[in-house]
Amino acid sequence: MDLDFAKRKCVPCEGGIPALAPDAVDAGLRGLDGWDAQQGKTRLHKHLRFDDFVAAMKFVNAMADLAEAEGHHPDFCVQYSTVDVTLWTHAVGGLSENDFILAAKLDRLREAAAARR
């Protein structure tokens, strides 16, 4: 598995392929920063902290734009200045490479926002 996920594009997934095996999930996590596997290695999760609610919502709005462009949409929860992001591919009932691609791109999105401050 190519671990430079941020350079890749999500591909449409309608199912019919297996979810990534736990060892592939572990390998993929080595290419990400601060993400963890949850629910039996069927979900990627990251807890993000921001300066305040406005900064958290700016990230959520940018995340929505990115997710729409990739055609792969995260679950998320905002609690004032924190955002919990969970990724998984519903069509395969677990993780696919698309989840790792979007996770890496979300990290780059956060880095770009921090650089603009």
Protein backbone atom coordinates (compact mmCIF):
# COMPACT_ATOMS: atom_id res chain seq x y z
CA MET A 1 0.00 0.00 0.00
CA ASP A 2 1.39 3.41 -1.04
CA LEU A 3 1.55 5.41 2.21
CA ASP A 4 1.66 8.85 0.57
CA PHE A 5 -2.10 9.06 0.75
CA ALA A 6 -2.42 12.85 0.36
CA LYS A 7 -1.24 12.65 -3.25
CA ARG A 8 -3.98 10.23 -4.23
CA LYS A 9 -7.67 10.70 -5.03
CA CYS A 10 -10.57 8.79 -3.53
CA VAL A 11 -12.20 6.40 -5.97
CA PRO A 12 -15.92 5.62 -5.99
CA CYS A 13 -16.75 2.55 -3.93
CA GLU A 14 -20.03 0.73 -4.33
CA GLY A 15 -18.98 -2.29 -2.30
CA GLY A 16 -18.09 -5.67 -3.66
CA ILE A 17 -14.57 -5.41 -2.26
CA PRO A 18 -13.48 -6.49 1.21
CA ALA A 19 -12.63 -4.03 3.93
CA LEU A 20 -8.94 -3.70 4.72
CA ALA A 21 -7.56 -6.41 6.97
CA PRO A 22 -6.25 -5.38 10.41
CA ASP A 23 -2.60 -5.69 9.32
CA ALA A 24 -3.27 -3.38 6.35
CA VAL A 25 -4.96 -0.90 8.71
CA ASP A 26 -1.88 -0.96 10.96
CA ALA A 27 0.36 -0.38 7.94
CA GLY A 28 -1.84 2.50 6.74
CA LEU A 29 -1.78 4.17 10.15
CA ARG A 30 2.00 4.48 9.83
CA GLY A 31 1.36 6.93 6.97
CA LEU A 32 -0.92 9.15 9.08
CA ASP A 33 -0.32 11.51 12.00
CA GLY A 34 -2.40 11.16 15.15
CA TRP A 35 -5.15 8.93 13.79
CA ASP A 36 -6.18 5.77 15.61
CA ALA A 37 -8.15 2.70 14.63
CA GLN A 38 -11.36 2.01 16.53
CA GLN A 39 -14.18 -0.53 16.59
CA GLY A 40 -12.08 -3.55 15.73
CA LYS A 41 -9.98 -1.59 13.22
CA THR A 42 -13.05 -0.75 11.12
CA ARG A 43 -12.93 3.02 11.75
CA LEU A 44 -10.29 5.76 11.66
CA HIS A 45 -10.63 8.45 14.31
CA LYS A 46 -8.92 11.72 15.18
CA HIS A 47 -9.63 14.24 17.93
CA LEU A 48 -8.77 17.79 16.87
CA ARG A 49 -8.49 20.86 19.12
CA PHE A 50 -8.88 24.45 17.92
CA ASP A 51 -8.53 27.87 19.55
CA ASP A 52 -12.29 28.44 19.66
CA PHE A 53 -15.64 27.53 18.14
CA VAL A 54 -15.15 29.75 15.07
CA ALA A 55 -11.84 28.05 14.21
CA ALA A 56 -13.41 24.62 14.68
CA MET A 57 -16.29 25.53 12.37
CA LYS A 58 -13.95 26.95 9.72
CA PHE A 59 -12.20 23.58 9.71
CA VAL A 60 -15.54 21.72 9.50
CA ASN A 61 -16.64 23.85 6.54
CA ALA A 62 -13.32 23.28 4.76
CA MET A 63 -13.60 19.57 5.57
CA ALA A 64 -17.06 19.49 3.99
CA ASP A 65 -15.73 21.07 0.80
CA LEU A 66 -12.84 18.60 0.64
CA ALA A 67 -15.06 15.61 1.38
CA GLU A 68 -17.50 16.62 -1.34
CA ALA A 69 -14.66 17.03 -3.84
CA GLU A 70 -13.34 13.57 -2.91
CA GLY A 71 -16.78 11.97 -2.89
CA HIS A 72 -16.00 10.46 0.52
CA HIS A 73 -17.73 11.86 3.57
CA PRO A 74 -16.67 11.69 7.24
CA ASP A 75 -18.75 11.47 10.36
CA PHE A 76 -17.91 14.26 12.79
CA CYS A 77 -18.93 15.84 16.06
CA VAL A 78 -18.22 19.42 17.12
CA GLN A 79 -18.00 20.30 20.80
CA TYR A 80 -17.13 24.00 21.07
CA SER A 81 -13.42 24.02 20.12
CA THR A 82 -12.95 20.32 19.39
CA VAL A 83 -13.86 18.19 16.41
CA ASP A 84 -13.92 14.41 16.44
CA VAL A 85 -13.65 12.94 12.94
CA THR A 86 -14.48 9.33 12.12
CA LEU A 87 -13.87 7.76 8.72
CA TRP A 88 -15.04 4.48 7.32
CA THR A 89 -16.38 3.16 4.06
CA HIS A 90 -20.02 2.26 4.55
CA ALA A 91 -20.16 0.20 1.34
CA VAL A 92 -17.53 -2.26 2.61
CA GLY A 93 -18.49 -2.15 6.29
CA GLY A 94 -15.02 -1.08 7.36
CA LEU A 95 -11.95 0.73 6.12
CA SER A 96 -10.80 1.18 2.54
CA GLU A 97 -7.88 3.11 1.09
CA ASN A 98 -10.29 6.04 0.58
CA ASP A 99 -10.41 6.51 4.34
CA PHE A 100 -6.64 6.85 4.56
CA ILE A 101 -6.59 9.22 1.58
CA LEU A 102 -9.19 11.52 3.14
CA ALA A 103 -7.47 11.36 6.56
CA ALA A 104 -4.16 12.47 5.03
CA LYS A 105 -5.86 15.27 3.11
CA LEU A 106 -7.64 16.44 6.26
CA ASP A 107 -4.27 16.65 7.99
CA ARG A 108 -2.90 18.76 5.14
CA LEU A 109 -6.00 20.95 5.32
CA ARG A 110 -5.38 21.55 9.02
CA GLU A 111 -1.68 22.28 8.40
CA ALA A 112 -2.56 24.80 5.68
CA ALA A 113 -5.03 26.56 8.00
CA ALA A 114 -2.40 26.76 10.75
CA ALA A 115 0.14 28.23 8.34
CA ARG A 116 -2.29 31.05 7.40
CA ARG A 117 -2.60 32.27 11.00
